[in-house]
Each structure stands twice: as C-alpha cells, then as structure tokens.
C-alpha cells in the first residue's frame, strides 16, 4: 500500500517534460484544509539567446478558484513544474487564511542543455473557502552557485475575506 502511494506521488511530480502536460493533486476535504485541489499546465518552454529570463504572473479569482498565468525563470527548459499552496502566517497561536502559493521546478530524467530559460504556465488552485490573501512565489535554481532561491512575491492578491 505504501509503495502505491509513493509511486502515485512520483507520477505527480515527475510527469512529462513536454509542452502541454498537466499535474494535479487532489486533497481530501477537511475543515482544516484551505485548499481542495491544484493543478499546473506548461504551455511553452524556451532557452533565451538574448536578455535575461523573467519572473511574471497574474492571479485572477472566480468563485473559490484562483487561476494563475505566469512565466518562471529556470536553469534549463526541460524541468517540470508543480504548484504547492501552503498557509504561511500565525496570529495569536492560530493559522490565518493568508497563504503562499509556490511554483516549484522539478528535475526529471529528461536531459537537455543548461541555458537561461523561461517556462510559461497556467495553474489552478481550488479552495474549500477563499483565503484572505494570496502571495505567489517562484522557486529558482542558480546552478552556477548550486543554490535554490525562493523569489517573490511575484504576484499578490488581497481578497479581504
């Protein structure tokens, strides 16, 4: 049973290196769970010949769903991406409904050359109830220094709930 769970998790994190793949991770509804479901889809990958790659994103909210459209800077174009929403703030000993959403890169077995790269993506996060605010962060790898950085917030959305 544990082996199946681990294999299923691996499929979520390491699926595909081609344009247009989607990863999804449904969560069980729980009163303490703010996030019900999340997914990410890569629409384009590119090495940049001129100029620096950018981080950019926009968040739109409809009902209980955040739609995120963005571009993440990566160290090579063939990495995968995953979306990881998490509560981030404590007040008076309790978790708040202010959350960070991190877009992580995932190394996979597909080889490609290292080059300054951008990956365009769309991500969806479905909430059990809307958070008070959302900060979108990108995780970036600096291979020349063997460092991974958390960059952002790339985009912020205050919902005032």
C-alpha atoms as a PDB file:
ATOM      1  CA  UNK A   1       0.000   0.000   0.000  1.00  0.00           C
ATOM      2  CA  UNK A   2       2.781   2.430   0.887  1.00  0.00           C
ATOM      3  CA  UNK A   3       4.566   1.571  -2.327  1.00  0.00           C
ATOM      4  CA  UNK A   4       1.486   2.526  -4.382  1.00  0.00           C
ATOM      5  CA  UNK A   5       1.230   5.866  -2.580  1.00  0.00           C
ATOM      6  CA  UNK A   6       4.886   6.617  -3.269  1.00  0.00           C
ATOM      7  CA  UNK A   7       4.580   5.639  -6.938  1.00  0.00           C
ATOM      8  CA  UNK A   8       1.481   7.818  -7.300  1.00  0.00           C
ATOM      9  CA  UNK A   9       3.321  10.759  -5.780  1.00  0.00           C
ATOM     10  CA  UNK A  10       6.211  10.219  -8.175  1.00  0.00           C
ATOM     11  CA  UNK A  11       3.859  10.304 -11.140  1.00  0.00           C
ATOM     12  CA  UNK A  12       2.510  13.652  -9.976  1.00  0.00           C
ATOM     13  CA  UNK A  13       5.926  15.239  -9.569  1.00  0.00           C
ATOM     14  CA  UNK A  14       7.828  13.737 -12.489  1.00  0.00           C
ATOM     15  CA  UNK A  15       5.220  13.512 -15.214  1.00  0.00           C
ATOM     16  CA  UNK A  16       6.360  14.621 -18.623  1.00  0.00           C
ATOM     17  CA  UNK A  17       8.796  17.162 -19.900  1.00  0.00           C
ATOM     18  CA  UNK A  18       6.859  18.138 -22.964  1.00  0.00           C
ATOM     19  CA  UNK A  19       4.789  21.234 -23.520  1.00  0.00           C
ATOM     20  CA  UNK A  20       1.167  20.900 -22.518  1.00  0.00           C
ATOM     21  CA  UNK A  21       1.452  18.423 -19.654  1.00  0.00           C
ATOM     22  CA  UNK A  22      -0.680  18.814 -16.557  1.00  0.00           C
ATOM     23  CA  UNK A  23      -0.074  17.723 -12.999  1.00  0.00           C
ATOM     24  CA  UNK A  24      -2.833  17.598 -10.424  1.00  0.00           C
ATOM     25  CA  UNK A  25      -3.030  16.745  -6.758  1.00  0.00           C
ATOM     26  CA  UNK A  26      -6.480  16.415  -5.192  1.00  0.00           C
ATOM     27  CA  UNK A  27      -6.724  16.710  -1.451  1.00  0.00           C
ATOM     28  CA  UNK A  28      -9.338  15.286   0.881  1.00  0.00           C
ATOM     29  CA  UNK A  29     -11.762  17.903   2.168  1.00  0.00           C
ATOM     30  CA  UNK A  30     -11.139  18.680   5.784  1.00  0.00           C
ATOM     31  CA  UNK A  31     -12.251  21.603   7.934  1.00  0.00           C
ATOM     32  CA  UNK A  32      -8.586  22.482   8.474  1.00  0.00           C
ATOM     33  CA  UNK A  33      -7.722  22.251   4.771  1.00  0.00           C
ATOM     34  CA  UNK A  34      -7.955  25.520   2.895  1.00  0.00           C
ATOM     35  CA  UNK A  35      -7.021  24.001  -0.484  1.00  0.00           C
ATOM     36  CA  UNK A  36      -9.172  21.369  -2.178  1.00  0.00           C
ATOM     37  CA  UNK A  37      -7.268  20.825  -5.436  1.00  0.00           C
ATOM     38  CA  UNK A  38      -4.414  22.245  -7.524  1.00  0.00           C
ATOM     39  CA  UNK A  39      -3.005  21.667 -10.984  1.00  0.00           C
ATOM     40  CA  UNK A  40      -0.462  23.173 -13.359  1.00  0.00           C
ATOM     41  CA  UNK A  41      -0.082  23.107 -17.140  1.00  0.00           C
ATOM     42  CA  UNK A  42       3.019  24.120 -19.112  1.00  0.00           C
ATOM     43  CA  UNK A  43       2.225  25.905 -22.359  1.00  0.00           C
ATOM     44  CA  UNK A  44       5.694  26.862 -23.644  1.00  0.00           C
ATOM     45  CA  UNK A  45       9.392  26.346 -22.873  1.00  0.00           C
ATOM     46  CA  UNK A  46      12.302  28.250 -24.331  1.00  0.00           C
ATOM     47  CA  UNK A  47      16.017  28.883 -23.977  1.00  0.00           C
ATOM     48  CA  UNK A  48      16.821  32.549 -24.233  1.00  0.00           C
ATOM     49  CA  UNK A  49      19.582  33.644 -26.536  1.00  0.00           C
ATOM     50  CA  UNK A  50      19.397  37.350 -25.680  1.00  0.00           C
ATOM     51  CA  UNK A  51      18.283  39.010 -22.485  1.00  0.00           C
ATOM     52  CA  UNK A  52      17.585  37.756 -19.022  1.00  0.00           C
ATOM     53  CA  UNK A  53      14.693  35.406 -18.290  1.00  0.00           C
ATOM     54  CA  UNK A  54      11.895  36.919 -16.223  1.00  0.00           C
ATOM     55  CA  UNK A  55       9.501  36.014 -13.443  1.00  0.00           C
ATOM     56  CA  UNK A  56       5.950  37.205 -14.072  1.00  0.00           C
ATOM     57  CA  UNK A  57       2.441  36.141 -13.035  1.00  0.00           C
ATOM     58  CA  UNK A  58      -1.137  37.298 -12.673  1.00  0.00           C
ATOM     59  CA  UNK A  59      -3.770  35.885 -10.312  1.00  0.00           C
ATOM     60  CA  UNK A  60      -7.492  36.033 -11.022  1.00  0.00           C
ATOM     61  CA  UNK A  61     -10.220  34.769  -8.692  1.00  0.00           C
ATOM     62  CA  UNK A  62     -13.595  33.304  -9.683  1.00  0.00           C
ATOM     63  CA  UNK A  63     -15.829  31.727  -7.028  1.00  0.00           C
ATOM     64  CA  UNK A  64     -13.438  29.561  -4.950  1.00  0.00           C
ATOM     65  CA  UNK A  65     -10.817  29.194  -7.699  1.00  0.00           C
ATOM     66  CA  UNK A  66      -7.537  31.033  -8.292  1.00  0.00           C
ATOM     67  CA  UNK A  67      -6.339  30.993 -11.908  1.00  0.00           C
ATOM     68  CA  UNK A  68      -2.658  31.842 -12.258  1.00  0.00           C
ATOM     69  CA  UNK A  69      -0.957  32.646 -15.548  1.00  0.00           C
ATOM     70  CA  UNK A  70       2.783  33.116 -15.372  1.00  0.00           C
ATOM     71  CA  UNK A  71       6.345  32.780 -16.591  1.00  0.00           C
ATOM     72  CA  UNK A  72       9.045  31.263 -14.387  1.00  0.00           C
ATOM     73  CA  UNK A  73      12.786  31.604 -14.842  1.00  0.00           C
ATOM     74  CA  UNK A  74      14.614  28.257 -14.822  1.00  0.00           C
ATOM     75  CA  UNK A  75      18.116  26.953 -15.408  1.00  0.00           C
ATOM     76  CA  UNK A  76      17.036  24.668 -18.271  1.00  0.00           C
ATOM     77  CA  UNK A  77      13.833  24.310 -20.284  1.00  0.00           C
ATOM     78  CA  UNK A  78      13.094  20.624 -19.648  1.00  0.00           C
ATOM     79  CA  UNK A  79      12.297  20.803 -15.911  1.00  0.00           C
ATOM     80  CA  UNK A  80       8.805  20.018 -14.692  1.00  0.00           C
ATOM     81  CA  UNK A  81       6.710  22.320 -12.511  1.00  0.00           C
ATOM     82  CA  UNK A  82       4.394  21.760  -9.573  1.00  0.00           C
ATOM     83  CA  UNK A  83       2.153  24.083  -7.570  1.00  0.00           C
ATOM     84  CA  UNK A  84       2.335  23.948  -3.766  1.00  0.00           C
ATOM     85  CA  UNK A  85      -0.147  26.042  -1.780  1.00  0.00           C
ATOM     86  CA  UNK A  86       0.518  26.413   1.948  1.00  0.00           C
ATOM     87  CA  UNK A  87      -0.706  28.561   4.808  1.00  0.00           C
ATOM     88  CA  UNK A  88       2.037  30.840   5.973  1.00  0.00           C
ATOM     89  CA  UNK A  89       1.077  33.056   8.878  1.00  0.00           C
ATOM     90  CA  UNK A  90       0.292  32.525  12.554  1.00  0.00           C
ATOM     91  CA  UNK A  91      -1.583  35.095  14.655  1.00  0.00           C
ATOM     92  CA  UNK A  92      -2.439  34.562  18.326  1.00  0.00           C
ATOM     93  CA  UNK A  93      -1.423  30.905  18.089  1.00  0.00           C
ATOM     94  CA  UNK A  94      -3.730  30.164  15.136  1.00  0.00           C
ATOM     95  CA  UNK A  95      -3.124  29.759  11.429  1.00  0.00           C
ATOM     96  CA  UNK A  96      -4.511  32.570   9.309  1.00  0.00           C
ATOM     97  CA  UNK A  97      -6.102  32.195   5.903  1.00  0.00           C
ATOM     98  CA  UNK A  98      -3.271  34.178   4.279  1.00  0.00           C
ATOM     99  CA  UNK A  99      -1.444  31.739   2.006  1.00  0.00           C
ATOM    100  CA  UNK A 100       1.593  31.465  -0.215  1.00  0.00           C
ATOM    101  CA  UNK A 101       1.408  29.550  -3.460  1.00  0.00           C
ATOM    102  CA  UNK A 102       4.833  28.340  -4.592  1.00  0.00           C
ATOM    103  CA  UNK A 103       5.621  27.284  -8.158  1.00  0.00           C
ATOM    104  CA  UNK A 104       8.468  24.761  -7.859  1.00  0.00           C
ATOM    105  CA  UNK A 105      10.645  23.348 -10.606  1.00  0.00           C
ATOM    106  CA  UNK A 106      11.210  19.596 -10.609  1.00  0.00           C
ATOM    107  CA  UNK A 107      14.271  17.926 -12.029  1.00  0.00           C
ATOM    108  CA  UNK A 108      13.378  14.888 -14.108  1.00  0.00           C
ATOM    109  CA  UNK A 109      15.237  12.233 -16.047  1.00  0.00           C
ATOM    110  CA  UNK A 110      14.903  14.029 -19.380  1.00  0.00           C
ATOM    111  CA  UNK A 111      18.218  15.565 -20.317  1.00  0.00           C
ATOM    112  CA  UNK A 112      18.576  18.894 -22.029  1.00  0.00           C
ATOM    113  CA  UNK A 113      21.249  21.543 -22.101  1.00  0.00           C
ATOM    114  CA  UNK A 114      21.507  24.141 -19.387  1.00  0.00           C
ATOM    115  CA  UNK A 115      20.595  27.591 -20.623  1.00  0.00           C
ATOM    116  CA  UNK A 116      18.798  30.625 -19.193  1.00  0.00           C
ATOM    117  CA  UNK A 117      15.184  29.575 -19.765  1.00  0.00           C
ATOM    118  CA  UNK A 118      11.580  30.630 -19.331  1.00  0.00           C
ATOM    119  CA  UNK A 119       8.580  28.354 -18.914  1.00  0.00           C
ATOM    120  CA  UNK A 120       5.048  29.686 -19.425  1.00  0.00           C
ATOM    121  CA  UNK A 121       2.404  28.006 -17.272  1.00  0.00           C
ATOM    122  CA  UNK A 122      -1.167  28.195 -16.059  1.00  0.00           C
ATOM    123  CA  UNK A 123      -2.044  26.929 -12.600  1.00  0.00           C
ATOM    124  CA  UNK A 124      -5.376  26.420 -10.877  1.00  0.00           C
ATOM    125  CA  UNK A 125      -5.961  26.262  -7.135  1.00  0.00           C
ATOM    126  CA  UNK A 126      -9.459  25.400  -5.856  1.00  0.00           C
ATOM    127  CA  UNK A 127     -10.182  26.429  -2.273  1.00  0.00           C
ATOM    128  CA  UNK A 128     -12.649  24.983   0.237  1.00  0.00           C
ATOM    129  CA  UNK A 129     -13.077  28.630   1.258  1.00  0.00           C
ATOM    130  CA  UNK A 130     -11.287  31.695  -0.058  1.00  0.00           C
ATOM    131  CA  UNK A 131      -8.129  32.818   1.740  1.00  0.00           C
ATOM    132  CA  UNK A 132      -7.691  36.387   2.994  1.00  0.00           C
ATOM    133  CA  UNK A 133      -4.741  36.940   0.685  1.00  0.00           C
ATOM    134  CA  UNK A 134      -2.525  35.070  -1.773  1.00  0.00           C
ATOM    135  CA  UNK A 135       1.185  35.635  -2.410  1.00  0.00           C
ATOM    136  CA  UNK A 136       2.634  33.821  -5.430  1.00  0.00           C
ATOM    137  CA  UNK A 137       6.291  32.788  -5.149  1.00  0.00           C
ATOM    138  CA  UNK A 138       8.658  31.145  -7.662  1.00  0.00           C
ATOM    139  CA  UNK A 139      11.449  28.733  -6.797  1.00  0.00           C
ATOM    140  CA  UNK A 140      14.557  29.352  -8.915  1.00  0.00           C
ATOM    141  CA  UNK A 141      17.771  27.329  -9.208  1.00  0.00           C
ATOM    142  CA  UNK A 142      21.151  29.014  -9.644  1.00  0.00           C
ATOM    143  CA  UNK A 143      23.282  26.067 -10.850  1.00  0.00           C
ATOM    144  CA  UNK A 144      26.483  28.089 -11.129  1.00  0.00           C
ATOM    145  CA  UNK A 145      26.343  28.596  -7.341  1.00  0.00           C
ATOM    146  CA  UNK A 146      24.431  25.359  -6.541  1.00  0.00           C
ATOM    147  CA  UNK A 147      21.716  27.416  -4.822  1.00  0.00           C
ATOM    148  CA  UNK A 148      17.922  27.288  -4.865  1.00  0.00           C
ATOM    149  CA  UNK A 149      16.106  30.565  -4.171  1.00  0.00           C
ATOM    150  CA  UNK A 150      12.527  31.489  -3.269  1.00  0.00           C
ATOM    151  CA  UNK A 151      11.688  34.585  -5.349  1.00  0.00           C
ATOM    152  CA  UNK A 152       8.773  36.910  -4.780  1.00  0.00           C
ATOM    153  CA  UNK A 153       6.099  37.581  -4.217  1.00  0.00           C
ATOM    154  CA  UNK A 154       5.757  37.595  -7.996  1.00  0.00           C
ATOM    155  CA  UNK A 155       2.080  38.492  -7.680  1.00  0.00           C
ATOM    156  CA  UNK A 156      -0.188  39.325  -4.725  1.00  0.00           C
ATOM    157  CA  UNK A 157      -3.960  39.221  -4.345  1.00  0.00           C
ATOM    158  CA  UNK A 158      -5.824  40.566  -1.304  1.00  0.00           C
ATOM    159  CA  UNK A 159      -9.319  39.131  -1.023  1.00  0.00           C
ATOM    160  CA  UNK A 160     -10.323  40.726   2.279  1.00  0.00           C
ATOM    161  CA  UNK A 161     -12.268  37.666   3.450  1.00  0.00           C
END
